Protein backbone atom coordinates (compact mmCIF):
# COMPACT_ATOMS: atom_id res chain seq x y z
CA MET A 1 34.56 66.35 20.76
CA LYS A 2 34.37 62.58 21.32
CA HIS A 3 32.06 61.40 24.08
CA SER A 4 32.29 58.48 26.46
CA THR A 5 30.66 55.13 25.72
CA GLU A 6 27.94 55.78 28.29
CA THR A 7 26.77 58.98 26.62
CA GLN A 8 27.51 58.41 22.95
CA GLY A 9 23.88 57.25 22.42
CA ILE A 10 22.59 60.79 22.71
CA VAL A 11 25.23 62.28 20.44
CA ALA A 12 26.50 59.82 17.84
CA GLN A 13 23.11 58.14 17.33
CA ALA A 14 19.40 58.68 18.03
CA ALA A 15 18.50 59.10 21.68
CA ARG A 16 16.70 56.08 23.14
CA VAL A 17 13.36 56.82 24.81
CA LEU A 18 11.55 54.31 27.01
CA VAL A 19 7.73 54.69 27.14
CA VAL A 20 6.20 53.14 30.28
CA ASP A 21 2.40 52.93 30.42
CA ASP A 22 -0.09 50.17 31.23
CA SER A 23 -2.24 51.43 28.31
CA ARG A 24 -1.09 49.85 25.07
CA ALA A 25 -2.95 52.50 23.03
CA GLN A 26 -1.22 55.33 24.90
CA ARG A 27 2.18 53.68 24.36
CA GLN A 28 1.58 53.28 20.63
CA LEU A 29 0.45 56.90 20.26
CA LEU A 30 3.54 58.23 22.00
CA ALA A 31 5.77 55.86 20.01
CA VAL A 32 4.42 57.25 16.74
CA TYR A 33 5.30 60.79 17.80
CA LEU A 34 8.77 59.80 19.02
CA ARG A 35 9.76 57.86 15.89
CA ARG A 36 8.55 60.73 13.73
CA TRP A 37 10.89 63.08 15.67
CA GLY A 38 13.88 60.76 15.20
CA TYR A 39 14.03 58.96 18.55
CA GLU A 40 14.60 55.25 19.07
CA VAL A 41 11.69 53.84 21.08
CA LEU A 42 11.44 51.12 23.73
CA GLN A 43 8.18 50.18 25.47
CA SER A 44 7.19 48.65 28.80
CA ALA A 45 3.73 47.88 30.17
CA SER A 46 4.70 48.21 33.86
CA GLY A 47 7.26 49.73 36.17
CA GLU A 48 8.61 46.30 37.14
CA GLU A 49 9.22 45.38 33.51
CA ALA A 50 10.76 48.79 32.81
CA LEU A 51 13.24 48.40 35.71
CA GLY A 52 14.54 45.15 34.30
CA LEU A 53 14.89 46.71 30.86
CA CYS A 54 16.75 49.73 32.28
CA ALA A 55 19.18 47.40 34.06
CA ARG A 56 20.03 45.70 30.73
CA GLU A 57 19.71 48.41 28.09
CA ARG A 58 20.90 51.94 27.52
CA VAL A 59 18.01 54.32 28.17
CA ASP A 60 18.43 58.06 27.75
CA ILE A 61 14.94 59.41 28.42
CA ILE A 62 11.97 57.83 30.19
CA LEU A 63 8.33 58.82 29.62
CA SER A 64 6.35 57.17 32.40
CA ASP A 65 2.69 57.38 33.32
CA TRP A 66 2.13 58.33 36.94
CA MET A 67 -0.89 56.08 37.63
CA MET A 68 -0.26 52.47 36.60
CA THR A 69 -1.36 49.07 37.83
CA GLY A 70 1.13 47.71 40.34
CA MET A 71 4.15 50.01 40.65
CA THR A 72 3.27 53.67 40.18
CA GLY A 73 5.35 56.04 38.09
CA VAL A 74 6.71 57.73 41.25
CA GLU A 75 7.76 54.38 42.76
CA PHE A 76 9.34 53.37 39.45
CA CYS A 77 11.25 56.68 39.35
CA LYS A 78 12.65 56.11 42.88
CA GLN A 79 13.88 52.62 41.99
CA PHE A 80 15.23 53.77 38.64
CA ARG A 81 17.36 56.39 40.38
CA ALA A 82 18.75 53.65 42.64
CA LEU A 83 20.05 51.60 39.71
CA PRO A 84 23.86 51.52 39.31
CA ARG A 85 24.03 53.66 36.19
CA SER A 86 27.03 55.70 35.08
CA ALA A 87 25.04 57.85 32.61
CA TYR A 88 22.18 60.07 33.62
CA GLY A 89 18.63 59.21 32.58
CA TYR A 90 16.15 62.04 32.06
CA PHE A 91 12.79 61.16 33.66
CA ILE A 92 9.48 62.72 32.58
CA LEU A 93 6.25 61.86 34.37
CA LEU A 94 2.98 61.90 32.41
CA THR A 95 0.20 62.93 34.78
CA SER A 96 -3.15 64.57 35.13
CA LYS A 97 -2.23 65.60 38.68
CA SER A 98 -1.74 69.29 39.30
CA GLU A 99 -1.63 69.64 43.09
CA LYS A 100 1.60 71.21 44.33
CA ALA A 101 2.10 68.53 46.99
CA GLU A 102 1.83 65.76 44.41
CA ILE A 103 4.21 67.54 42.04
CA ALA A 104 6.64 67.91 44.94
CA ASP A 105 6.41 64.16 45.59
CA GLY A 106 7.38 63.49 41.98
CA LEU A 107 10.36 65.82 42.14
CA GLU A 108 11.42 64.29 45.45
CA ALA A 109 11.34 60.86 43.83
CA GLY A 110 13.78 62.04 41.17
CA ALA A 111 11.61 63.18 38.27
CA ASP A 112 13.09 65.90 36.05
CA ASP A 113 9.93 67.15 34.35
CA PHE A 114 6.18 66.70 33.98
CA VAL A 115 3.87 66.58 30.97
CA PRO A 116 0.13 66.96 31.63
CA LYS A 117 -2.38 64.49 30.18
CA PRO A 118 -3.87 64.47 27.66
CA VAL A 119 -0.49 64.88 26.04
CA SER A 120 0.05 67.77 23.62
CA SER A 121 2.51 66.74 20.92
CA ASP A 122 4.01 70.24 20.72
CA GLU A 123 4.56 70.46 24.48
CA LEU A 124 5.97 66.92 24.62
CA ARG A 125 8.41 67.69 21.82
CA ALA A 126 9.57 70.86 23.63
CA ARG A 127 10.03 68.94 26.90
CA LEU A 128 12.05 66.27 25.11
CA ARG A 129 14.29 68.89 23.54
CA ALA A 130 14.87 70.41 26.98
CA GLY A 131 15.80 66.96 28.25
CA MET A 132 18.19 66.46 25.34
CA ARG A 133 19.95 69.71 26.18
CA ILE A 134 20.43 68.49 29.75
CA LEU A 135 21.75 65.14 28.56
CA SER A 136 24.07 66.78 26.05
CA MET A 137 25.54 69.02 28.75
CA GLN A 138 25.89 65.98 31.02
CA ALA A 139 27.65 64.10 28.23
CA GLU A 140 30.09 66.96 27.73
CA LEU A 141 30.68 67.16 31.46
CA VAL A 142 31.34 63.41 31.67
CA GLU A 143 33.80 63.65 28.80
CA LYS A 144 35.58 66.63 30.31
CA ASN A 145 35.80 64.83 33.64
CA ARG A 146 37.24 61.81 31.85
CA VAL A 147 39.86 64.00 30.17
CA VAL A 148 40.69 65.65 33.50
CA ALA A 149 40.98 62.27 35.23
CA GLN A 150 43.16 60.95 32.42
CA THR A 151 45.37 64.04 32.58
CA LEU A 152 45.67 63.71 36.36
CA ASP A 153 46.64 60.07 35.97
CA GLU A 154 49.32 61.02 33.45
CA LEU A 155 50.58 63.79 35.73
CA GLN A 156 50.68 61.37 38.65
CA ARG A 157 52.72 58.89 36.61
CA LEU A 158 55.10 61.67 35.60
CA TYR A 159 55.34 62.87 39.19
CA ASP A 160 56.03 59.34 40.45
CA SER A 161 58.72 58.90 37.80
CA LEU A 162 60.27 62.27 38.65
CA ASP A 163 60.08 61.50 42.36
CA ARG A 164 61.94 58.22 41.83
CA ASP A 165 64.57 60.02 39.76
CA LEU A 166 64.97 62.70 42.43
CA ILE A 167 65.39 60.08 45.13
CA GLU A 168 68.16 58.47 43.11
CA ALA A 169 69.68 61.91 42.44
CA ARG A 170 69.64 62.59 46.18
CA LYS A 171 71.51 59.34 46.81
CA LEU A 172 74.09 60.27 44.19
CA GLN A 173 74.47 63.78 45.60
CA GLN A 174 75.01 62.39 49.08
CA THR A 175 78.00 60.47 47.75
CA LEU A 176 79.68 63.84 47.16
CA VAL A 177 79.87 64.31 50.93
CA ARG A 178 80.11 60.69 52.03
CA GLU A 179 82.79 61.42 54.67
CA ARG A 180 81.13 63.51 57.38
CA HIS A 181 84.29 63.39 59.50
CA ARG A 182 87.91 63.17 58.42
CA SER A 183 91.23 63.38 60.21
CA TYR A 184 94.27 65.07 58.70
CA GLY A 185 96.56 64.39 61.64
CA ARG A 186 96.96 67.85 63.14
CA ALA A 187 93.44 68.83 62.10
CA GLU A 188 90.03 67.22 61.90
CA VAL A 189 87.17 68.18 59.61
CA SER A 190 83.44 67.72 60.31
CA LEU A 191 80.70 68.68 57.90
CA MET A 192 76.93 68.87 57.69
CA ILE A 193 74.60 69.32 54.73
CA ARG A 194 70.82 69.31 54.64
CA ALA A 195 68.92 69.97 51.41
CA SER A 196 65.60 71.80 51.57
CA GLY A 197 64.20 69.50 48.86
CA HIS A 198 65.07 66.17 47.31
CA VAL A 199 68.33 67.63 46.04
CA GLY A 200 70.13 70.83 46.89
CA GLY A 201 72.62 73.39 45.69
CA ASP A 202 74.97 73.43 48.69
CA LEU A 203 78.35 71.74 48.77
CA VAL A 204 80.95 71.45 51.53
CA GLY A 205 84.16 69.48 51.55
CA SER A 206 87.89 69.28 52.10
CA PHE A 207 90.99 67.87 50.47
CA GLN A 208 94.71 67.67 51.17
CA ILE A 209 96.82 70.10 49.15
CA ASP A 210 100.16 68.63 50.21
CA ALA A 211 101.74 67.05 53.24
CA HIS A 212 101.33 70.23 55.28
CA ARG A 213 98.22 71.98 53.94
CA VAL A 214 94.49 71.19 53.92
CA ALA A 215 91.76 73.03 52.01
CA VAL A 216 88.15 73.41 53.22
CA TYR A 217 85.36 74.99 51.23
CA SER A 218 81.67 75.86 51.33
CA VAL A 219 79.70 76.47 48.12
CA ASP A 220 76.12 77.63 47.56
CA VAL A 221 74.77 77.49 43.99
CA SER A 222 71.96 79.89 43.10
CA GLY A 223 68.45 78.46 42.85
CA HIS A 224 67.15 75.11 43.99
CA GLY A 225 66.42 71.72 42.57
CA VAL A 226 67.94 69.61 39.84
CA ALA A 227 69.82 72.36 37.98
CA SER A 228 71.56 73.52 41.16
CA ALA A 229 72.34 69.94 42.15
CA MET A 230 73.93 69.27 38.77
CA MET A 231 76.10 72.35 39.16
CA THR A 232 77.24 71.27 42.65
CA ALA A 233 78.20 67.89 41.20
CA ARG A 234 80.30 69.61 38.57
CA LEU A 235 81.93 71.91 41.09
CA ALA A 236 82.69 68.93 43.34
CA SER A 237 84.76 67.44 40.53
CA TYR A 238 86.78 70.69 40.37
CA LEU A 239 87.51 70.49 44.10
CA SER A 240 88.27 66.79 44.40
CA GLY A 241 91.29 65.57 46.27
CA ALA A 242 90.97 62.25 44.44
CA SER A 243 91.59 63.91 41.05
CA PRO A 244 94.40 66.48 41.48
CA ASP A 245 94.76 66.89 37.71
CA GLN A 246 91.17 68.17 37.53
CA ASN A 247 91.22 70.08 40.82
CA MET A 248 91.22 73.81 40.07
CA ALA A 249 93.12 74.55 43.25
CA PHE A 250 96.15 73.48 41.25
CA LYS A 251 97.48 75.01 38.05
CA LEU A 252 99.77 73.42 35.53
CA MET A 253 103.08 75.22 35.05
CA PRO A 254 105.04 75.43 31.74
CA ASP A 255 107.56 72.90 32.98
CA GLY A 256 104.80 70.38 33.66
CA SER A 257 104.81 70.81 37.42
CA ARG A 258 101.76 71.80 39.45
CA ALA A 259 101.51 74.96 41.51
CA VAL A 260 98.87 75.81 44.09
CA ARG A 261 96.53 78.70 43.46
CA THR A 262 95.94 81.10 46.30
CA PRO A 263 92.30 81.25 47.49
CA ALA A 264 91.81 84.59 45.68
CA GLU A 265 93.33 83.19 42.48
CA LEU A 266 91.00 80.19 42.73
CA MET A 267 87.96 82.50 42.85
CA VAL A 268 89.19 84.31 39.74
CA ALA A 269 89.70 80.99 37.94
CA PHE A 270 86.21 79.81 38.85
CA ASN A 271 84.70 83.11 37.75
CA ARG A 272 86.41 82.80 34.36
CA LEU A 273 85.29 79.18 34.04
CA MET A 274 81.64 80.03 34.74
CA LEU A 275 81.48 82.96 32.33
CA GLU A 276 83.68 81.71 29.49
CA GLU A 277 83.19 77.94 29.45
CA ILE A 278 80.15 76.77 31.41
CA GLN A 279 78.05 79.80 30.38
CA VAL A 280 74.83 79.19 32.33
CA GLU A 281 72.48 81.57 34.10
CA GLN A 282 73.54 80.21 37.47
CA TYR A 283 76.17 81.65 39.76
CA PHE A 284 77.46 80.56 43.16
CA THR A 285 78.86 81.93 46.37
CA MET A 286 81.87 80.38 48.02
CA ALA A 287 84.25 80.51 50.95
CA TYR A 288 87.57 78.72 50.58
CA ALA A 289 90.33 78.38 53.15
CA GLU A 290 93.81 76.86 52.98
CA VAL A 291 95.08 75.78 56.41
CA ASP A 292 98.77 75.15 57.11
CA LEU A 293 98.87 72.32 59.62
CA ARG A 294 102.37 73.23 60.83
CA ASP A 295 101.61 76.63 62.34
CA GLY A 296 97.82 77.21 61.89
CA THR A 297 98.19 79.90 59.23
CA VAL A 298 94.99 80.24 57.19
CA ARG A 299 94.67 81.90 53.80
CA LEU A 300 91.05 82.67 53.04
CA ALA A 301 88.90 84.12 50.26
CA GLN A 302 85.18 84.89 50.07
CA ALA A 303 82.89 85.24 47.07
CA GLY A 304 79.49 86.49 48.19
CA HIS A 305 79.42 83.92 50.99
CA PRO A 306 78.67 84.50 54.69
CA HIS A 307 81.72 85.40 56.74
CA PRO A 308 83.55 82.36 58.12
CA VAL A 309 83.63 82.19 61.90
CA ILE A 310 86.57 81.40 64.16
CA LEU A 311 85.71 79.70 67.45
CA ARG A 312 88.65 80.41 69.72
CA ARG A 313 89.67 77.86 72.30
CA GLU A 314 89.31 80.47 75.03
CA GLY A 315 85.67 81.10 74.05
CA GLY A 316 85.87 84.08 71.74
CA ILE A 317 84.00 84.13 68.41
CA GLU A 318 85.40 86.13 65.49
CA ARG A 319 84.33 86.78 61.92
CA ALA A 320 86.86 86.41 59.15
CA GLY A 321 87.08 87.28 55.47
CA ARG A 322 86.69 90.42 53.39
CA GLY A 323 83.60 89.66 51.36
CA GLY A 324 83.63 89.68 47.57
CA LEU A 325 81.36 89.22 44.56
CA PRO A 326 79.61 85.92 43.82
CA VAL A 327 81.28 83.72 41.22
CA GLY A 328 79.89 83.82 37.70
CA LEU A 329 78.18 87.22 37.75
CA ILE A 330 80.67 89.81 36.51
CA PRO A 331 83.53 89.29 34.03
CA GLY A 332 86.91 90.26 35.40
CA ALA A 333 85.75 90.26 39.02
CA GLU A 334 88.61 90.54 41.48
CA TYR A 335 88.84 88.86 44.87
CA GLU A 336 90.83 89.82 47.92
CA GLY A 337 92.40 87.19 50.13
CA SER A 338 93.01 87.47 53.84
CA THR A 339 95.27 85.71 56.31
CA LEU A 340 94.51 84.65 59.85
CA LYS A 341 96.02 82.42 62.50
CA LEU A 342 94.55 79.42 64.27
CA CYS A 343 95.97 78.37 67.59
CA PRO A 344 95.79 74.80 68.86
CA GLY A 345 92.18 74.14 69.92
CA ASP A 346 90.70 76.80 67.64
CA ARG A 347 88.07 75.96 65.05
CA LEU A 348 87.19 77.54 61.70
CA PHE A 349 83.54 77.32 60.62
CA LEU A 350 82.36 77.91 57.03
CA MET A 351 78.61 77.89 56.36
CA SER A 352 76.00 78.66 53.68
CA ASP A 353 73.51 81.50 53.93
CA GLY A 354 70.77 78.93 54.56
CA ILE A 355 71.88 79.31 58.18
CA THR A 356 72.36 83.05 58.49
CA GLU A 357 69.30 83.88 56.36
CA CYS A 358 66.98 81.35 57.99
CA PRO A 359 63.71 83.21 58.81
CA GLY A 360 62.50 83.05 62.38
CA GLU A 361 58.93 82.93 63.66
CA GLY A 362 59.06 86.66 64.29
CA GLY A 363 59.85 87.37 60.63
CA PHE A 364 63.52 88.25 61.17
CA ASP A 365 66.46 86.29 59.77
CA LEU A 366 68.93 84.69 62.16
CA GLY A 367 71.80 86.82 60.84
CA GLU A 368 75.48 86.55 61.71
CA ASP A 369 74.89 87.95 65.20
CA GLY A 370 72.23 85.31 65.89
CA LEU A 371 74.57 82.62 64.61
CA ALA A 372 77.32 83.88 66.94
CA ARG A 373 74.93 83.59 69.92
CA MET A 374 74.01 80.02 68.93
CA LEU A 375 77.64 79.04 68.55
CA ALA A 376 78.47 80.56 71.93
CA ARG A 377 75.86 78.28 73.54
CA LEU A 378 77.16 75.21 71.70
CA ARG A 379 80.92 75.87 71.91
CA ASP A 380 81.57 73.11 74.49
CA LEU A 381 80.36 70.40 72.07
CA ASP A 382 82.73 68.61 69.73
CA SER A 383 82.40 69.74 66.12
CA ALA A 384 80.22 66.90 64.84
CA ALA A 385 77.81 67.32 67.76
CA LEU A 386 77.93 71.11 67.39
CA LEU A 387 76.77 70.91 63.76
CA GLU A 388 73.94 68.56 64.65
CA ALA A 389 72.84 70.72 67.58
CA LEU A 390 73.04 73.80 65.37
CA VAL A 391 70.43 72.29 63.04
CA TRP A 392 68.14 71.59 66.00
CA ASP A 393 68.54 75.13 67.31
CA LEU A 394 67.89 76.49 63.83
CA ALA A 395 64.66 74.45 63.60
CA ASP A 396 63.61 75.82 66.99
CA PHE A 397 64.34 79.37 65.79
CA ALA A 398 62.37 78.85 62.56
CA GLY A 399 59.47 77.09 64.27
CA ASN A 400 59.82 73.98 62.08
CA ASP A 401 62.52 71.82 60.51
CA ARG A 402 61.47 72.44 56.89
CA PHE A 403 63.99 75.10 56.03
CA PRO A 404 63.33 77.27 52.95
CA ASP A 405 66.95 76.97 51.81
CA ASP A 406 69.68 74.37 51.94
CA VAL A 407 71.64 74.36 55.20
CA SER A 408 75.29 73.34 55.26
CA GLY A 409 78.49 73.93 57.15
CA ILE A 410 82.02 72.61 57.68
CA VAL A 411 84.29 72.92 60.72
CA ILE A 412 88.02 72.34 60.81
CA ASP A 413 89.51 71.72 64.25
CA TYR A 414 93.17 72.73 64.45
CA ARG A 415 95.00 70.49 66.90
CA GLY A 416 98.49 71.94 66.37
């Protein structure tokens, strides 16, 4: 393992020991021992001189006499600990003192160990080895901390980069539902979508089939995050009114003309596309309705999606649809369409399960019955305001506005 610059002196080369003693003879004696054991030796005749040296030089271990002229070893130790050093210095006091109170003073000042005088070479060598073990462990800890800090910095840079990409992806995804309100003459469409994260897997939209028919749809891709968002973008291209040739609601006939798939046929076509061509682990649920603007006839199909809701002009609330399997799970899945009638002033509401399965503070999901109660309270609002108020009521039900799943819905008002 490589060590940091501050600690490489005790690993890649001989440890540097500073001997501090006002007795030149004592310094020379200790220096002889230290050089014989492989240490690099520095010497100072006073604590003041030693402090200046420690501020300039790398010092790994200090051997300091307790009783010296001028600054004592304890005072020197206190000031040494106050120096702005990044690497730890192991401090050994040389003393003839043995009283517990005096030893406590030395430890309080920052000393790591004591060697009694007169100094025994064997004991001194053992104390130095103990100090080296401490310094080696400190060096390893410093290096590991450096690696951790470097790794965290790299992760932060990656996170920042990913966060910027997700913000841009969110902007791009929002372009899929740029029109939150659209008029088709005899009908108006309002929609709402709120992702639980940066990007989501819900999609709602509408397009004109022909001069008399409008399609509305609600899609919920399994999972969350980037993969789901990419799938919604792909599905949006298959349900685009701007590109009829690519829109799967239409099928090309042998004579070159285009025919319109029924909602049930569209589910079958999507199921085949997911399993035979796209071939990913994801699947999606969907509700798709075709509304005839002339008489309010609605042809509807469901694929694992919550039941669409009809808000009658007179105040009644009805569920529509016959259920069905999610798209992309089972080869050869069949879907059953249903037909219903909208009268002037009625509204058809398609929504994702982020609404019906939103958990409340009591631990119970909102459910379709809870949704019906919310809609009954909000029925006097216009559709755009109703969708906005529904989100507020849902946040009140959940206890916060950070929903665990994407929340989306689309309402078509039939004017007749």
